[in-house]
C-alpha atoms as a PDB file:
ATOM      1  CA  MET A   1     105.371 -18.677  -6.211  1.00  0.00           C
ATOM      2  CA  ALA A   2     106.560 -17.152  -3.470  1.00  0.00           C
ATOM      3  CA  ALA A   3     103.431 -14.857  -3.969  1.00  0.00           C
ATOM      4  CA  THR A   4     101.284 -17.690  -3.890  1.00  0.00           C
ATOM      5  CA  SER A   5     102.927 -18.970  -0.670  1.00  0.00           C
ATOM      6  CA  SER A   6     102.292 -15.784   0.733  1.00  0.00           C
ATOM      7  CA  LEU A   7      98.788 -15.655   0.194  1.00  0.00           C
ATOM      8  CA  VAL A   8      98.196 -19.233   1.475  1.00  0.00           C
ATOM      9  CA  ILE A   9      99.488 -18.332   4.509  1.00  0.00           C
ATOM     10  CA  GLN A  10      97.527 -15.506   5.385  1.00  0.00           C
ATOM     11  CA  ALA A  11      94.225 -16.607   4.067  1.00  0.00           C
ATOM     12  CA  ALA A  12      94.867 -19.923   6.501  1.00  0.00           C
ATOM     13  CA  GLU A  13      95.510 -17.244   9.335  1.00  0.00           C
ATOM     14  CA  ARG A  14      93.068 -14.720   9.100  1.00  0.00           C
ATOM     15  CA  ARG A  15      89.927 -13.304   7.198  1.00  0.00           C
ATOM     16  CA  PRO A  16      90.029 -10.529   3.854  1.00  0.00           C
ATOM     17  CA  ARG A  17      89.597  -7.355   5.072  1.00  0.00           C
ATOM     18  CA  SER A  18      88.927  -5.600   2.142  1.00  0.00           C
ATOM     19  CA  LEU A  19      87.376  -6.452  -1.268  1.00  0.00           C
ATOM     20  CA  ARG A  20      90.489  -5.705  -2.684  1.00  0.00           C
ATOM     21  CA  GLU A  21      91.964  -8.951  -0.987  1.00  0.00           C
ATOM     22  CA  VAL A  22      88.736 -10.722  -1.756  1.00  0.00           C
ATOM     23  CA  ALA A  23      89.317 -10.118  -5.455  1.00  0.00           C
ATOM     24  CA  LEU A  24      93.247 -10.887  -5.174  1.00  0.00           C
ATOM     25  CA  TRP A  25      93.034 -14.008  -3.174  1.00  0.00           C
ATOM     26  CA  GLY A  26      90.066 -15.129  -4.868  1.00  0.00           C
ATOM     27  CA  ARG A  27      91.697 -15.174  -8.309  1.00  0.00           C
ATOM     28  CA  GLU A  28      94.913 -16.407  -6.939  1.00  0.00           C
ATOM     29  CA  LEU A  29      93.406 -19.087  -4.757  1.00  0.00           C
ATOM     30  CA  GLY A  30      90.200 -19.963  -6.503  1.00  0.00           C
ATOM     31  CA  GLY A  31      86.713 -19.349  -4.424  1.00  0.00           C
ATOM     32  CA  MET A  32      86.431 -15.837  -4.685  1.00  0.00           C
ATOM     33  CA  ASP A  33      82.566 -16.734  -3.386  1.00  0.00           C
ATOM     34  CA  GLY A  34      83.954 -17.937  -0.135  1.00  0.00           C
ATOM     35  CA  PHE A  35      86.158 -15.276   0.115  1.00  0.00           C
ATOM     36  CA  LEU A  36      83.896 -12.985  -0.377  1.00  0.00           C
ATOM     37  CA  ARG A  37      81.342 -14.668   2.443  1.00  0.00           C
ATOM     38  CA  GLU A  38      84.236 -14.236   4.950  1.00  0.00           C
ATOM     39  CA  PHE A  39      84.661 -10.742   4.368  1.00  0.00           C
ATOM     40  CA  LEU A  40      81.161 -10.188   5.085  1.00  0.00           C
ATOM     41  CA  ASP A  41      81.844 -11.228   8.302  1.00  0.00           C
ATOM     42  CA  SER A  42      84.123  -9.469   9.598  1.00  0.00           C
ATOM     43  CA  PHE A  43      82.425  -6.482   8.103  1.00  0.00           C
ATOM     44  CA  TYR A  44      78.995  -7.093  10.125  1.00  0.00           C
ATOM     45  CA  LEU A  45      81.128  -7.628  12.934  1.00  0.00           C
ATOM     46  CA  GLU A  46      83.373  -4.888  12.862  1.00  0.00           C
ATOM     47  CA  SER A  47      81.596  -2.250  15.555  1.00  0.00           C
ATOM     48  CA  ASP A  48      83.387   0.928  13.867  1.00  0.00           C
ATOM     49  CA  ALA A  49      82.013   2.898  10.935  1.00  0.00           C
ATOM     50  CA  GLY A  50      85.621   4.493   9.792  1.00  0.00           C
ATOM     51  CA  VAL A  51      87.219   0.921   9.696  1.00  0.00           C
ATOM     52  CA  ARG A  52      83.946  -0.523   8.102  1.00  0.00           C
ATOM     53  CA  ALA A  53      84.589   2.597   5.126  1.00  0.00           C
ATOM     54  CA  GLU A  54      88.291   1.776   5.153  1.00  0.00           C
ATOM     55  CA  MET A  55      87.438  -1.790   4.143  1.00  0.00           C
ATOM     56  CA  LEU A  56      85.497  -0.746   1.033  1.00  0.00           C
ATOM     57  CA  SER A  57      88.013   1.702  -0.045  1.00  0.00           C
ATOM     58  CA  HIS A  58      90.542  -0.427  -1.631  1.00  0.00           C
ATOM     59  CA  GLU A  59      89.686  -0.899  -5.190  1.00  0.00           C
ATOM     60  CA  PRO A  60      89.864  -4.400  -6.132  1.00  0.00           C
ATOM     61  CA  PRO A  61      91.704  -4.953  -9.564  1.00  0.00           C
ATOM     62  CA  LEU A  62      89.711  -5.726 -12.805  1.00  0.00           C
ATOM     63  CA  GLY A  63      90.013  -8.984 -13.639  1.00  0.00           C
ATOM     64  CA  ASP A  64      89.324 -11.381 -16.262  1.00  0.00           C
ATOM     65  CA  ASP A  65      85.322 -11.864 -15.357  1.00  0.00           C
ATOM     66  CA  PRO A  66      83.506  -8.604 -15.691  1.00  0.00           C
ATOM     67  CA  ARG A  67      80.509 -10.246 -13.702  1.00  0.00           C
ATOM     68  CA  ALA A  68      82.478 -10.405 -10.882  1.00  0.00           C
ATOM     69  CA  ASP A  69      84.255  -6.962 -11.043  1.00  0.00           C
ATOM     70  CA  ALA A  70      80.900  -5.168 -10.995  1.00  0.00           C
ATOM     71  CA  TYR A  71      79.681  -7.587  -8.735  1.00  0.00           C
ATOM     72  CA  LEU A  72      82.174  -6.351  -6.105  1.00  0.00           C
ATOM     73  CA  ALA A  73      81.790  -3.377  -7.009  1.00  0.00           C
ATOM     74  CA  ALA A  74      77.728  -3.861  -6.657  1.00  0.00           C
ATOM     75  CA  ALA A  75      78.464  -5.176  -2.982  1.00  0.00           C
ATOM     76  CA  ALA A  76      80.581  -2.071  -1.931  1.00  0.00           C
ATOM     77  CA  GLU A  77      77.883   0.082  -2.906  1.00  0.00           C
ATOM     78  CA  HIS A  78      75.010  -1.897  -1.574  1.00  0.00           C
ATOM     79  CA  LEU A  79      77.083  -2.248   2.311  1.00  0.00           C
ATOM     80  CA  ALA A  80      77.824   1.514   2.246  1.00  0.00           C
ATOM     81  CA  LEU A  81      74.521   2.508   1.267  1.00  0.00           C
ATOM     82  CA  ARG A  82      73.326   0.103   4.188  1.00  0.00           C
ATOM     83  CA  ASN A  83      75.305   1.297   6.870  1.00  0.00           C
ATOM     84  CA  ASP A  84      75.247   4.887   6.246  1.00  0.00           C
ATOM     85  CA  LEU A  85      78.813   5.136   4.655  1.00  0.00           C
ATOM     86  CA  THR A  86      80.611   6.638   1.713  1.00  0.00           C
ATOM     87  CA  VAL A  87      80.309   5.210  -1.295  1.00  0.00           C
ATOM     88  CA  PRO A  88      83.847   4.353  -2.633  1.00  0.00           C
ATOM     89  CA  ALA A  89      84.528   6.815  -5.693  1.00  0.00           C
ATOM     90  CA  TRP A  90      85.826   3.411  -7.567  1.00  0.00           C
ATOM     91  CA  SER A  91      82.725   1.695  -7.387  1.00  0.00           C
ATOM     92  CA  GLY A  92      81.370   3.917 -10.199  1.00  0.00           C
ATOM     93  CA  GLY A  93      83.905   3.400 -12.326  1.00  0.00           C
ATOM     94  CA  LYS A  94      82.577   2.111 -16.414  1.00  0.00           C
ATOM     95  CA  SER A  95      84.488  -0.738 -15.760  1.00  0.00           C
ATOM     96  CA  ARG A  96      82.113  -1.910 -13.008  1.00  0.00           C
ATOM     97  CA  PHE A  97      79.103  -1.771 -14.870  1.00  0.00           C
ATOM     98  CA  LEU A  98      77.293  -4.712 -16.901  1.00  0.00           C
ATOM     99  CA  LYS A  99      76.361  -4.421 -20.341  1.00  0.00           C
ATOM    100  CA  LYS A 100      74.308  -7.599 -20.652  1.00  0.00           C
ATOM    101  CA  PRO A 101      72.082  -8.931 -17.540  1.00  0.00           C
ATOM    102  CA  PHE A 102      73.206 -11.093 -15.584  1.00  0.00           C
ATOM    103  CA  PHE A 103      71.322 -13.921 -12.928  1.00  0.00           C
ATOM    104  CA  PRO A 104      73.886 -15.203 -10.903  1.00  0.00           C
ATOM    105  CA  ALA A 105      70.978 -17.710  -9.575  1.00  0.00           C
ATOM    106  CA  GLY A 106      71.034 -18.802 -13.614  1.00  0.00           C
ATOM    107  CA  LEU A 107      66.766 -20.034 -12.897  1.00  0.00           C
ATOM    108  CA  GLU A 108      64.770 -18.984 -15.561  1.00  0.00           C
ATOM    109  CA  SER A 109      61.522 -19.113 -13.102  1.00  0.00           C
ATOM    110  CA  LEU A 110      63.000 -16.505 -10.585  1.00  0.00           C
ATOM    111  CA  LYS A 111      64.011 -13.676 -13.791  1.00  0.00           C
ATOM    112  CA  ALA A 112      60.818 -12.243 -13.113  1.00  0.00           C
ATOM    113  CA  THR A 113      61.295 -12.016  -9.309  1.00  0.00           C
ATOM    114  CA  LEU A 114      64.621 -10.966  -9.032  1.00  0.00           C
ATOM    115  CA  LEU A 115      64.012  -7.942 -11.733  1.00  0.00           C
ATOM    116  CA  VAL A 116      61.786  -6.359  -9.250  1.00  0.00           C
ATOM    117  CA  GLU A 117      63.957  -7.613  -5.691  1.00  0.00           C
ATOM    118  CA  SER A 118      67.208  -6.935  -6.521  1.00  0.00           C
ATOM    119  CA  PRO A 119      69.232  -3.700  -4.471  1.00  0.00           C
ATOM    120  CA  PRO A 120      69.580  -0.447  -6.879  1.00  0.00           C
ATOM    121  CA  ALA A 121      73.915  -1.155  -6.112  1.00  0.00           C
ATOM    122  CA  PHE A 122      73.086  -4.080  -8.165  1.00  0.00           C
ATOM    123  CA  ARG A 123      70.190  -3.716 -10.413  1.00  0.00           C
ATOM    124  CA  ARG A 124      72.039  -0.668 -11.883  1.00  0.00           C
ATOM    125  CA  ARG A 125      74.939  -2.634 -12.927  1.00  0.00           C
ATOM    126  CA  MET A 126      72.648  -5.226 -14.237  1.00  0.00           C
ATOM    127  CA  ILE A 127      72.911  -7.914 -11.819  1.00  0.00           C
ATOM    128  CA  PHE A 128      69.723  -9.597 -10.545  1.00  0.00           C
ATOM    129  CA  VAL A 129      69.657 -10.933  -7.467  1.00  0.00           C
ATOM    130  CA  GLY A 130      67.708 -11.578  -4.385  1.00  0.00           C
ATOM    131  CA  THR A 131      66.860  -8.667  -1.679  1.00  0.00           C
ATOM    132  CA  ASP A 132      69.100  -9.283   0.333  1.00  0.00           C
ATOM    133  CA  PRO A 133      72.503 -11.063  -1.596  1.00  0.00           C
ATOM    134  CA  LEU A 134      74.795  -9.959   0.878  1.00  0.00           C
ATOM    135  CA  TYR A 135      73.251 -11.303   3.758  1.00  0.00           C
ATOM    136  CA  ARG A 136      75.007 -13.328   6.642  1.00  0.00           C
ATOM    137  CA  PRO A 137      74.055 -15.201  10.092  1.00  0.00           C
ATOM    138  CA  ARG A 138      76.799 -12.879  11.967  1.00  0.00           C
ATOM    139  CA  ARG A 139      74.938  -9.739  10.822  1.00  0.00           C
ATOM    140  CA  ASP A 140      71.834 -10.724  12.468  1.00  0.00           C
ATOM    141  CA  SER A 141      74.558 -11.334  15.561  1.00  0.00           C
ATOM    142  CA  ALA A 142      76.295  -8.111  15.347  1.00  0.00           C
ATOM    143  CA  GLY A 143      73.046  -6.114  15.081  1.00  0.00           C
ATOM    144  CA  ILE A 144      73.824  -4.149  11.387  1.00  0.00           C
ATOM    145  CA  GLY A 145      70.745  -3.833   9.710  1.00  0.00           C
END
């Protein structure tokens, strides 16, 4: 219970500073998607490339949902490639790839489009998303591509 209380306090006081925190907070407190969005805002607002690389370097623990494990790895690889950072080695682990296709949008009518549009970091993990799955308005305000 004390660990959960500590996480609640951290989550209330600041955004996650790593994908590891996204996974830990999301699994313990619920709402991994919300924590990922908060992390992306922090990542895009950070101007120091070294700090951004550090934000991606800490491996999230594997959980009960292989799709979430693969999605975090795809996010790390995609952010690294898009921002000229070193792709974290942990993102290439075998457990970070799916064996069956996953379409988070869930709409049958979008599947053909998503097969084509998915960025390589997602596609190679069999996660099929739109062309810019990690878009946040803060990225535009920070001037990051």
